[in-house]
Amino acid sequence: MYISTPASPRVPDLKATITALEPETGKVIWKYHSPLNINGRGPAYWPGDGKTGPRLIYGTENGYLAALDVGTGLPAKGFGEGGLVDAYVGVVSETVGESRRDSWSIPNPVSIWRNLIITGARPGEAGPPQPRGDIRAWDARTGRLVWTFHTVPQPGEAFHDTYVGDEWKDRSGANVWSTMTVDDELGIVFAPVGDLNGRAQGPELFSSSLVALDARTGKRRWHQQITHKDLWDWDLPTPPVLVEVKRDGRTIKAVAQTGKQGLLFLFDRKTGAPVWGAGGAADAPKRRSR
């Protein structure tokens, strides 16, 4: 069993650690003291590929992705530099530079698919210029960047023309600060995307949307925007849930998404088609008026 604890500037002796425990007894097998503040929401387990052994993968404050060898508790050899990858690089322009590093992190346990590590981002909540909230995949063996999905479409990409002028530039928010879900069999990553920081004139894609990505390439399979023009912070705080639904004599592999509106949305995993009609949402039964 593996647990992580963050450091705290208020408690100088509290160090950021990851600890391996024997689950039956609580006996400490090893404890790693990180030189960086570990994000407190937990590591993810990569089982290895036969040549490279199992690793624990976790995000840190200030934008680093880290890997530990499960057997020794030491930084994973061959992963980035000394077991660290600087994930802040690549989400900022020269305008932003290092000025926002302190507010950018990988906030939740990463998602694992085959030999890929898939990460969201927490870029902070100030308006632009800010780091982007890209979804990215990294090689679990080397830490090499494999693909990037821009949650605010960049020039030349689909839906970029929904942003007017330079509204897209250095735009943060529209980031996955919750946890993604992966359908291992279909190879689809389901990403619950948060709201945009600052307003834009168009539909503000892909903010407050459930986005389905090809796990191998990062290409968009489909998306459903749950809250349009999200003025209320009604984004997606919960991980998508994979379910099977029986309708009209057939079984539909679906993905369920809850939000902050008290609604449950259900979509076909492959196509994104709503299971419950045009909106895809089921509401609680209406109360009878007195």
Protein backbone atom coordinates (compact mmCIF):
# COMPACT_ATOMS: atom_id res chain seq x y z
CA MET A 1 0.00 0.00 0.00
CA TYR A 2 1.33 3.44 -0.95
CA ILE A 3 0.41 6.76 0.64
CA SER A 4 1.64 10.29 0.03
CA THR A 5 1.83 13.30 2.31
CA PRO A 6 2.51 16.91 1.31
CA ALA A 7 4.90 19.34 2.92
CA SER A 8 3.63 22.48 4.62
CA PRO A 9 5.32 25.86 5.03
CA ARG A 10 3.44 26.19 8.35
CA VAL A 11 5.05 23.02 9.76
CA PRO A 12 8.80 23.08 8.95
CA ASP A 13 9.35 19.49 10.11
CA LEU A 14 6.56 18.08 7.93
CA LYS A 15 8.31 16.72 4.85
CA ALA A 16 6.71 15.62 1.59
CA THR A 17 6.86 11.83 1.50
CA ILE A 18 5.66 8.72 -0.25
CA THR A 19 5.57 5.65 1.98
CA ALA A 20 5.22 1.96 1.11
CA LEU A 21 3.41 -0.04 3.79
CA GLU A 22 2.72 -3.71 4.34
CA PRO A 23 -1.10 -3.55 4.27
CA GLU A 24 -1.68 -6.40 6.71
CA THR A 25 0.46 -4.93 9.48
CA GLY A 26 1.21 -1.29 8.59
CA LYS A 27 4.94 -2.05 8.65
CA VAL A 28 6.96 0.55 6.73
CA ILE A 29 8.79 -1.02 3.79
CA TRP A 30 10.36 2.21 2.57
CA LYS A 31 9.81 5.95 2.81
CA TYR A 32 10.84 8.48 0.20
CA HIS A 33 11.39 12.11 1.19
CA SER A 34 10.73 14.28 -1.84
CA PRO A 35 12.73 17.47 -2.40
CA LEU A 36 9.54 18.92 -3.90
CA ASN A 37 6.12 19.31 -2.34
CA ILE A 38 4.15 16.24 -3.40
CA ASN A 39 0.57 16.87 -4.34
CA GLY A 40 -1.46 15.31 -1.57
CA ARG A 41 -4.07 13.52 -3.70
CA GLY A 42 -2.09 10.38 -4.30
CA PRO A 43 0.25 8.50 -6.64
CA ALA A 44 -0.73 6.15 -9.47
CA TYR A 45 0.68 2.68 -10.10
CA TRP A 46 2.24 1.65 -13.41
CA PRO A 47 2.79 -2.16 -13.51
CA GLY A 48 5.80 -2.04 -15.84
CA ASP A 49 6.22 -3.58 -19.27
CA GLY A 50 8.36 -6.65 -18.68
CA LYS A 51 11.60 -4.78 -19.28
CA THR A 52 11.05 -1.86 -16.95
CA GLY A 53 9.77 -2.64 -13.45
CA PRO A 54 6.69 -1.18 -11.72
CA ARG A 55 6.66 2.50 -10.83
CA LEU A 56 4.69 4.97 -8.78
CA ILE A 57 3.86 8.13 -10.72
CA TYR A 58 2.80 11.36 -9.03
CA GLY A 59 2.54 15.08 -9.65
CA THR A 60 4.10 17.82 -7.57
CA GLU A 61 3.63 21.48 -6.91
CA ASN A 62 5.50 23.78 -9.32
CA GLY A 63 4.70 21.49 -12.24
CA TYR A 64 6.81 18.36 -12.03
CA LEU A 65 5.91 14.77 -12.88
CA ALA A 66 7.84 12.23 -10.82
CA ALA A 67 8.41 8.46 -10.83
CA LEU A 68 9.65 6.12 -8.11
CA ASP A 69 10.85 2.54 -8.39
CA VAL A 70 8.31 0.43 -6.49
CA GLY A 71 10.90 -2.02 -5.24
CA THR A 72 13.36 0.48 -3.79
CA GLY A 73 11.44 3.71 -3.29
CA LEU A 74 14.16 5.58 -5.18
CA PRO A 75 13.71 7.89 -8.20
CA ALA A 76 13.09 5.77 -11.30
CA LYS A 77 16.18 5.43 -13.48
CA GLY A 78 15.74 6.58 -17.07
CA PHE A 79 12.64 8.64 -16.28
CA GLY A 80 13.34 12.28 -17.15
CA GLU A 81 16.25 13.65 -15.15
CA GLY A 82 16.68 11.91 -11.84
CA GLY A 83 13.10 10.64 -11.91
CA LEU A 84 11.59 14.07 -12.64
CA VAL A 85 9.99 15.61 -15.74
CA ASP A 86 9.34 19.35 -15.87
CA ALA A 87 5.71 19.39 -17.05
CA TYR A 88 5.47 23.19 -16.79
CA VAL A 89 7.56 23.42 -19.93
CA GLY A 90 5.32 23.45 -23.00
CA VAL A 91 2.20 25.03 -21.49
CA VAL A 92 3.51 28.60 -21.33
CA SER A 93 4.56 31.23 -23.85
CA GLU A 94 7.46 33.62 -23.44
CA THR A 95 4.93 36.17 -22.20
CA VAL A 96 4.09 34.00 -19.20
CA GLY A 97 7.55 32.53 -18.64
CA GLU A 98 8.34 31.37 -15.12
CA SER A 99 5.98 33.90 -13.53
CA ARG A 100 3.18 31.40 -12.93
CA ARG A 101 5.14 28.29 -11.97
CA ASP A 102 4.13 28.58 -8.31
CA SER A 103 0.43 28.31 -9.25
CA TRP A 104 0.74 25.43 -11.76
CA SER A 105 0.63 21.78 -10.73
CA ILE A 106 -0.64 18.32 -11.64
CA PRO A 107 -3.46 18.20 -9.10
CA ASN A 108 -4.75 14.62 -8.94
CA PRO A 109 -3.55 11.05 -9.44
CA VAL A 110 -2.54 10.63 -13.07
CA SER A 111 -4.32 8.14 -15.34
CA ILE A 112 -2.49 5.11 -16.72
CA TRP A 113 -3.19 3.43 -20.06
CA ARG A 114 -0.75 0.78 -21.29
CA ASN A 115 2.64 2.53 -21.16
CA LEU A 116 1.24 6.05 -21.08
CA ILE A 117 0.83 8.45 -18.18
CA ILE A 118 -2.04 10.87 -18.85
CA THR A 119 -2.11 14.12 -16.90
CA GLY A 120 -4.41 17.05 -16.30
CA ALA A 121 -3.33 20.39 -14.88
CA ARG A 122 -4.12 23.07 -12.33
CA PRO A 123 -2.96 26.36 -13.89
CA GLY A 124 -4.42 28.69 -11.25
CA GLU A 125 -7.53 30.80 -11.52
CA ALA A 126 -6.29 34.23 -12.56
CA GLY A 127 -7.19 35.59 -15.98
CA PRO A 128 -4.84 35.54 -18.98
CA PRO A 129 -1.95 35.52 -19.55
CA GLN A 130 -1.71 32.17 -17.81
CA PRO A 131 -0.35 28.65 -18.45
CA ARG A 132 -2.67 26.43 -20.48
CA GLY A 133 -4.62 23.53 -19.00
CA ASP A 134 -3.56 20.99 -21.64
CA ILE A 135 -4.20 17.25 -21.29
CA ARG A 136 -0.99 15.37 -22.06
CA ALA A 137 0.40 11.84 -22.24
CA TRP A 138 3.94 10.80 -21.32
CA ASP A 139 5.96 7.64 -21.85
CA ALA A 140 5.97 5.77 -18.52
CA ARG A 141 9.47 4.45 -19.17
CA THR A 142 11.28 7.62 -20.23
CA GLY A 143 8.98 10.51 -19.32
CA ARG A 144 9.00 11.64 -22.96
CA LEU A 145 5.98 13.67 -24.06
CA VAL A 146 3.86 11.54 -26.44
CA TRP A 147 0.81 13.69 -27.21
CA THR A 148 -0.98 16.88 -26.23
CA PHE A 149 -4.64 17.84 -26.40
CA HIS A 150 -5.24 21.58 -26.18
CA THR A 151 -8.38 22.22 -24.14
CA VAL A 152 -8.35 25.72 -25.64
CA PRO A 153 -7.91 24.99 -29.38
CA GLN A 154 -4.76 26.50 -30.86
CA PRO A 155 -4.34 27.94 -34.39
CA GLY A 156 -4.96 25.32 -37.08
CA GLU A 157 -6.97 23.05 -34.78
CA ALA A 158 -10.67 22.24 -34.91
CA PHE A 159 -12.85 24.80 -33.13
CA HIS A 160 -10.06 27.37 -32.91
CA ASP A 161 -12.27 29.69 -34.97
CA THR A 162 -14.79 29.78 -32.12
CA TYR A 163 -12.38 32.13 -30.31
CA VAL A 164 -12.28 35.73 -31.51
CA GLY A 165 -8.97 37.48 -32.13
CA ASP A 166 -6.41 36.56 -29.48
CA GLU A 167 -8.93 35.25 -26.96
CA TRP A 168 -7.28 31.84 -27.20
CA LYS A 169 -3.80 33.08 -26.37
CA ASP A 170 -2.31 32.26 -22.95
CA ARG A 171 -5.78 31.26 -21.80
CA SER A 172 -5.98 29.12 -18.68
CA GLY A 173 -8.81 27.24 -17.08
CA ALA A 174 -10.56 24.66 -19.26
CA ASN A 175 -8.36 22.21 -17.38
CA VAL A 176 -8.88 18.79 -15.80
CA TRP A 177 -8.46 19.41 -12.08
CA SER A 178 -10.53 16.34 -11.22
CA THR A 179 -9.64 12.77 -12.24
CA MET A 180 -9.89 11.23 -15.69
CA THR A 181 -11.29 7.78 -16.42
CA VAL A 182 -9.88 5.38 -19.01
CA ASP A 183 -11.75 2.63 -20.84
CA ASP A 184 -8.88 0.20 -21.25
CA GLU A 185 -10.65 -1.99 -23.82
CA LEU A 186 -11.82 0.85 -26.07
CA GLY A 187 -8.69 2.93 -25.51
CA ILE A 188 -10.67 6.07 -24.67
CA VAL A 189 -9.80 8.69 -22.07
CA PHE A 190 -12.79 10.52 -20.58
CA ALA A 191 -11.74 13.96 -19.34
CA PRO A 192 -14.02 16.17 -17.18
CA VAL A 193 -12.88 19.68 -18.09
CA GLY A 194 -13.29 22.72 -15.83
CA ASP A 195 -14.54 26.19 -16.68
CA LEU A 196 -12.57 28.85 -18.55
CA ASN A 197 -10.69 31.57 -16.68
CA GLY A 198 -12.15 34.81 -17.98
CA ARG A 199 -14.87 35.09 -20.57
CA ALA A 200 -14.68 34.61 -24.35
CA GLN A 201 -17.24 35.64 -26.95
CA GLY A 202 -17.90 32.18 -28.38
CA PRO A 203 -18.90 28.85 -26.79
CA GLU A 204 -15.63 28.66 -24.82
CA LEU A 205 -14.72 25.14 -25.92
CA PHE A 206 -13.74 22.83 -24.36
CA SER A 207 -14.60 24.36 -21.01
CA SER A 208 -17.11 22.61 -18.71
CA SER A 209 -17.20 19.68 -21.12
CA LEU A 210 -16.83 15.93 -21.02
CA VAL A 211 -14.19 15.21 -23.67
CA ALA A 212 -13.44 11.73 -25.02
CA LEU A 213 -9.92 11.29 -26.38
CA ASP A 214 -8.16 8.47 -28.19
CA ALA A 215 -5.77 7.20 -25.51
CA ARG A 216 -3.10 6.29 -28.07
CA THR A 217 -3.00 9.60 -29.95
CA GLY A 218 -4.83 12.22 -27.89
CA LYS A 219 -7.19 12.96 -30.80
CA ARG A 220 -10.71 14.07 -29.92
CA ARG A 221 -13.31 11.34 -30.39
CA TRP A 222 -16.25 13.46 -29.22
CA HIS A 223 -17.23 16.03 -26.66
CA GLN A 224 -20.34 17.19 -24.85
CA GLN A 225 -20.39 20.63 -23.26
CA ILE A 226 -22.28 20.23 -20.00
CA THR A 227 -22.54 23.93 -19.13
CA HIS A 228 -22.56 26.51 -21.93
CA LYS A 229 -21.03 29.92 -21.14
CA ASP A 230 -20.24 28.81 -17.61
CA LEU A 231 -20.77 31.95 -15.54
CA TRP A 232 -21.63 29.98 -12.39
CA ASP A 233 -18.60 27.68 -11.92
CA TRP A 234 -20.79 24.71 -12.86
CA ASP A 235 -17.92 22.65 -14.17
CA LEU A 236 -17.19 18.95 -13.67
CA PRO A 237 -15.78 18.06 -10.23
CA THR A 238 -16.18 14.28 -10.36
CA PRO A 239 -14.51 11.49 -12.35
CA PRO A 240 -16.61 9.96 -15.15
CA VAL A 241 -17.98 6.50 -14.34
CA LEU A 242 -18.15 3.64 -16.85
CA VAL A 243 -21.50 1.81 -16.78
CA GLU A 244 -23.64 -0.47 -18.94
CA VAL A 245 -27.26 0.42 -19.62
CA LYS A 246 -29.98 -1.78 -21.09
CA ARG A 247 -32.38 0.02 -23.41
CA ASP A 248 -34.76 -1.36 -26.03
CA GLY A 249 -33.31 -4.85 -25.67
CA ARG A 250 -29.66 -3.87 -26.16
CA THR A 251 -26.77 -3.12 -23.86
CA ILE A 252 -25.11 0.28 -24.24
CA LYS A 253 -21.59 0.84 -22.94
CA ALA A 254 -22.02 4.28 -21.45
CA VAL A 255 -20.14 6.88 -19.46
CA ALA A 256 -21.90 8.71 -16.63
CA GLN A 257 -20.98 12.23 -15.57
CA THR A 258 -22.30 14.24 -12.65
CA GLY A 259 -21.86 17.97 -12.19
CA LYS A 260 -22.88 20.80 -9.92
CA GLN A 261 -26.42 21.20 -11.29
CA GLY A 262 -27.90 18.12 -9.61
CA LEU A 263 -28.07 16.29 -12.95
CA LEU A 264 -26.69 12.96 -14.13
CA PHE A 265 -25.54 12.84 -17.76
CA LEU A 266 -25.19 9.55 -19.62
CA PHE A 267 -23.51 9.19 -23.02
CA ASP A 268 -22.59 6.35 -25.35
CA ARG A 269 -18.87 5.80 -24.80
CA LYS A 270 -18.05 5.29 -28.48
CA THR A 271 -20.14 8.03 -30.08
CA GLY A 272 -20.98 10.51 -27.34
CA ALA A 273 -24.68 10.21 -28.22
CA PRO A 274 -26.94 10.95 -25.23
CA VAL A 275 -28.57 7.83 -23.79
CA TRP A 276 -31.54 9.85 -22.49
CA GLY A 277 -32.55 11.93 -25.46
CA ALA A 278 -31.15 15.22 -26.70
CA GLY A 279 -29.72 16.51 -23.41
CA GLY A 280 -28.35 13.26 -22.04
CA ALA A 281 -29.43 14.24 -18.53
CA ALA A 282 -31.72 12.62 -16.00
CA ASP A 283 -33.24 14.84 -13.34
CA ALA A 284 -34.66 13.86 -9.99
CA PRO A 285 -38.43 13.24 -9.96
CA LYS A 286 -40.36 16.49 -9.81
CA ARG A 287 -42.13 17.30 -6.59
CA ARG A 288 -45.90 17.61 -6.65
CA SER A 289 -47.09 21.15 -6.10
CA ARG A 290 -49.27 21.72 -3.07
